[in-house]
Every structure is written in structure tokens, then in C-alpha cells.
Amino acid sequence: LRLDVGQRPVQLERLGPCHTAGDLIAHVSDAGIVFAGDLLFIGSTPILWHGPLENWLAAIDRLLALDADLYVPGHGPLCGPTEIRELRAYWVWLEQAGREQYARGAGPLEAARQLVRDPEFVRWGDWIHPERIVLSLSTLFYGWDGHPPAAPTVVRRARAFADAETLLRELSAKR
């Protein structure tokens, strides 16, 4: 959808569902800016609520293809392509490492405990809210169990938040 805001053309494009069902970006091409909303978590562990993850990876690729000068994330500071590529690398790692944990029978919390200790996780260790890894794993595991992508039910969301709180307490106790 193209809108004119003042004298500026703004292109709206739906790239979800990813984080949620309504993931949308606003591209102000003549200013070189993309407002990416919750498709971009910069310096902050992202949350995959709806999925599938493949959609989020495609959305990141689309954001990069826009070749904007500046991206406005939903979480974190303004950024450029370098930070977006780092977010993509995180998702690729989480999908592979999470799938390995899933295949060995771990649940989301147990998998998260292992993954935050993984030497590769150090790469994202300075991101805030590492406990959110449990939330994304709960969505990934749900999909790998054969369920279609969907917003989490109240029960699934509550379980994921309880697990995230448990992990947060464990991580805080180690500091």
C-alpha cells in the first residue's frame, strides 16, 4: 500500500507473520528510511511468537534488499545492514541449534539452558534479555511438533514466560 504522508510517499508492506501475525514495515524511500517495527530487535534477544521462522528470515532478506540508509527497529537503537545481518545469523544459529536440542528430546527450557552455554551464543551474549530464547524455542518446538504457525494460546504463552523467568533467575544467580 502506498500512502502520501505530507509530501512524502510511504510504502507499507506486510512481511509477516513472524513476530506476530501483523508484521508490517513502512519504507520512506526518498529519505532512505525503513520503519521495521518488531521485525528488528537490535541488541536485544528477539521473540518468535507466531512464525514460521522462514517468514522472518525472508523478511530480513527483504529489509536488506531495500538497501535503506537507516532502519528503525521496534526494539533497540537505529541500525544499518550490519546489525540486521547479525540478527539473521542469530536466527539461523537458533534454528539449527534448537533443532538439535529438540531431536535429542529436550524441552524449550532445557534446550535454552544448553544454548545459552553454547560457545556460539557468546556472539550474542551482550544482547539484553537472553532469557527470551525460551520464548522463541517454545514456538519453534511447537511447530516441529507438527502444529501450524499461530499466535500462542494463553496457556502456551504463560508456560513460555514461566520458563523464561526460570532461566532469567538461573542466569542472574550465576552473575
Protein backbone atom coordinates (compact mmCIF):
# COMPACT_ATOMS: atom_id res chain seq x y z
CA LEU A 1 0.00 0.00 0.00
CA ARG A 2 1.34 3.42 -0.94
CA LEU A 3 0.44 6.42 1.19
CA ASP A 4 1.39 10.05 0.93
CA VAL A 5 2.34 11.48 4.30
CA GLY A 6 2.79 15.19 3.86
CA GLN A 7 4.77 15.41 0.67
CA ARG A 8 6.44 12.04 1.19
CA PRO A 9 5.48 8.72 -0.38
CA VAL A 10 5.44 5.89 2.17
CA GLN A 11 5.25 2.30 1.04
CA LEU A 12 3.67 -0.12 3.52
CA GLU A 13 4.50 -3.77 3.10
CA ARG A 14 3.31 -6.74 5.12
CA LEU A 15 6.18 -9.13 5.77
CA GLY A 16 4.64 -11.36 8.41
CA PRO A 17 3.56 -13.33 10.14
CA CYS A 18 6.86 -13.51 12.00
CA HIS A 19 7.00 -11.99 15.47
CA THR A 20 3.23 -11.58 15.26
CA ALA A 21 0.60 -12.02 12.57
CA GLY A 22 0.63 -8.33 11.64
CA ASP A 23 4.31 -7.60 10.94
CA LEU A 24 4.43 -4.56 8.68
CA ILE A 25 7.14 -2.17 7.52
CA ALA A 26 6.97 1.43 6.31
CA HIS A 27 9.54 2.34 3.69
CA VAL A 28 10.21 6.03 3.10
CA SER A 29 12.43 5.55 0.07
CA ASP A 30 13.16 9.20 -0.67
CA ALA A 31 14.53 9.57 2.87
CA GLY A 32 16.33 6.20 2.87
CA ILE A 33 14.50 5.01 5.98
CA VAL A 34 12.62 1.82 6.82
CA PHE A 35 10.46 1.59 9.93
CA ALA A 36 10.68 -2.13 10.65
CA GLY A 37 8.71 -2.49 13.87
CA ASP A 38 9.09 -5.82 15.65
CA LEU A 39 10.88 -7.45 12.73
CA LEU A 40 14.05 -5.91 14.12
CA PHE A 41 15.31 -6.49 17.64
CA ILE A 42 18.74 -4.82 17.76
CA GLY A 43 20.95 -5.56 20.76
CA SER A 44 18.02 -7.43 22.26
CA THR A 45 17.11 -11.11 22.05
CA PRO A 46 14.14 -11.36 19.65
CA ILE A 47 10.95 -13.33 20.22
CA LEU A 48 9.35 -15.57 17.62
CA TRP A 49 5.71 -15.71 18.72
CA HIS A 50 3.82 -16.51 15.56
CA GLY A 51 6.24 -17.76 12.94
CA PRO A 52 7.22 -19.60 10.98
CA LEU A 53 10.88 -18.67 11.27
CA GLU A 54 11.26 -18.99 7.50
CA ASN A 55 8.99 -15.94 7.18
CA TRP A 56 11.23 -13.92 9.47
CA LEU A 57 14.34 -14.88 7.52
CA ALA A 58 12.57 -13.87 4.29
CA ALA A 59 11.50 -10.59 5.93
CA ILE A 60 15.10 -9.86 6.94
CA ASP A 61 16.22 -10.57 3.39
CA ARG A 62 13.55 -8.17 2.11
CA LEU A 63 14.67 -5.47 4.55
CA LEU A 64 18.25 -5.84 3.37
CA ALA A 65 17.15 -5.75 -0.28
CA LEU A 66 15.56 -2.33 0.33
CA ASP A 67 19.10 -1.03 0.85
CA ALA A 68 17.99 1.77 3.15
CA ASP A 69 20.43 4.12 4.85
CA LEU A 70 18.70 3.75 8.20
CA TYR A 71 16.39 1.20 9.80
CA VAL A 72 14.15 1.96 12.77
CA PRO A 73 13.64 -1.21 14.81
CA GLY A 74 10.82 -1.99 17.16
CA HIS A 75 13.40 -2.88 19.82
CA GLY A 76 16.81 -1.27 20.15
CA PRO A 77 18.71 1.57 18.53
CA LEU A 78 18.63 2.75 14.94
CA CYS A 79 20.69 0.47 12.76
CA GLY A 80 22.04 -0.42 9.36
CA PRO A 81 22.55 -3.63 7.40
CA THR A 82 25.36 -4.94 9.63
CA GLU A 83 23.07 -5.27 12.64
CA ILE A 84 20.32 -6.79 10.52
CA ARG A 85 22.70 -9.43 9.18
CA GLU A 86 23.68 -10.22 12.78
CA LEU A 87 20.01 -10.75 13.67
CA ARG A 88 19.70 -13.08 10.69
CA ALA A 89 22.78 -15.03 11.82
CA TYR A 90 21.20 -15.43 15.27
CA TRP A 91 18.01 -16.88 13.80
CA VAL A 92 19.94 -19.30 11.58
CA TRP A 93 22.00 -20.45 14.57
CA LEU A 94 18.95 -20.77 16.84
CA GLU A 95 17.05 -22.83 14.28
CA GLN A 96 19.95 -25.27 13.84
CA ALA A 97 20.99 -25.47 17.49
CA GLY A 98 17.37 -25.61 18.67
CA ARG A 99 16.55 -28.39 16.23
CA GLU A 100 19.46 -30.42 17.60
CA GLN A 101 18.15 -29.98 21.14
CA TYR A 102 14.62 -30.86 20.01
CA ALA A 103 15.87 -34.02 18.26
CA ARG A 104 17.52 -35.22 21.46
CA GLY A 105 14.23 -34.79 23.35
CA ALA A 106 14.89 -31.57 25.27
CA GLY A 107 12.04 -29.22 26.10
CA PRO A 108 12.32 -25.47 25.45
CA LEU A 109 13.70 -24.62 28.91
CA GLU A 110 16.27 -27.42 28.93
CA ALA A 111 17.29 -26.51 25.38
CA ALA A 112 17.64 -22.83 26.32
CA ARG A 113 19.85 -23.75 29.29
CA GLN A 114 22.15 -25.62 26.92
CA LEU A 115 22.13 -22.97 24.21
CA VAL A 116 23.00 -20.01 26.44
CA ARG A 117 26.12 -22.01 27.41
CA ASP A 118 26.96 -22.82 23.80
CA PRO A 119 30.25 -21.17 22.74
CA GLU A 120 28.50 -19.79 19.66
CA PHE A 121 25.96 -17.96 21.84
CA VAL A 122 28.78 -15.73 23.12
CA ARG A 123 28.42 -13.87 19.82
CA TRP A 124 25.04 -12.54 21.06
CA GLY A 125 25.87 -12.62 24.77
CA ASP A 126 25.79 -8.84 25.12
CA TRP A 127 22.19 -8.65 23.88
CA ILE A 128 19.69 -7.82 26.60
CA HIS A 129 17.07 -10.35 27.68
CA PRO A 130 18.83 -13.63 26.85
CA GLU A 131 16.01 -15.45 28.68
CA ARG A 132 13.77 -14.69 25.69
CA ILE A 133 15.46 -17.58 23.89
CA VAL A 134 12.96 -19.82 25.72
CA LEU A 135 10.04 -17.94 24.18
CA SER A 136 11.31 -18.47 20.63
CA LEU A 137 12.20 -22.10 21.32
CA SER A 138 8.67 -22.73 22.60
CA THR A 139 7.34 -21.52 19.23
CA LEU A 140 9.91 -23.48 17.23
CA PHE A 141 9.28 -26.68 19.20
CA TYR A 142 5.52 -26.22 18.80
CA GLY A 143 5.98 -26.07 15.02
CA TRP A 144 8.37 -29.02 14.98
CA ASP A 145 5.70 -30.96 16.86
CA GLY A 146 3.58 -30.58 13.70
CA HIS A 147 1.39 -27.64 14.70
CA PRO A 148 0.70 -24.91 12.13
CA PRO A 149 2.10 -21.42 12.80
CA ALA A 150 -0.22 -19.46 15.05
CA ALA A 151 -0.19 -16.96 17.85
CA PRO A 152 0.40 -18.77 21.15
CA THR A 153 -2.57 -19.66 23.28
CA VAL A 154 -2.75 -18.13 26.74
CA VAL A 155 -1.57 -21.42 28.24
CA ARG A 156 1.39 -21.79 25.86
CA ARG A 157 2.39 -18.16 26.38
CA ALA A 158 2.13 -18.48 30.18
CA ARG A 159 4.29 -21.62 30.14
CA ALA A 160 6.88 -19.90 27.96
CA PHE A 161 7.00 -16.83 30.24
CA ALA A 162 7.32 -19.04 33.32
CA ASP A 163 10.22 -20.88 31.68
CA ALA A 164 11.83 -17.56 30.69
CA GLU A 165 11.53 -16.35 34.28
CA THR A 166 13.18 -19.56 35.50
CA LEU A 167 16.06 -19.11 33.06
CA LEU A 168 16.42 -15.43 33.99
CA ARG A 169 16.72 -16.34 37.66
CA GLU A 170 19.31 -19.01 36.87
CA LEU A 171 21.35 -16.62 34.72
CA SER A 172 21.12 -13.87 37.34
CA ALA A 173 22.28 -16.23 40.08
CA LYS A 174 25.44 -17.02 38.07
CA ARG A 175 26.46 -13.35 37.85
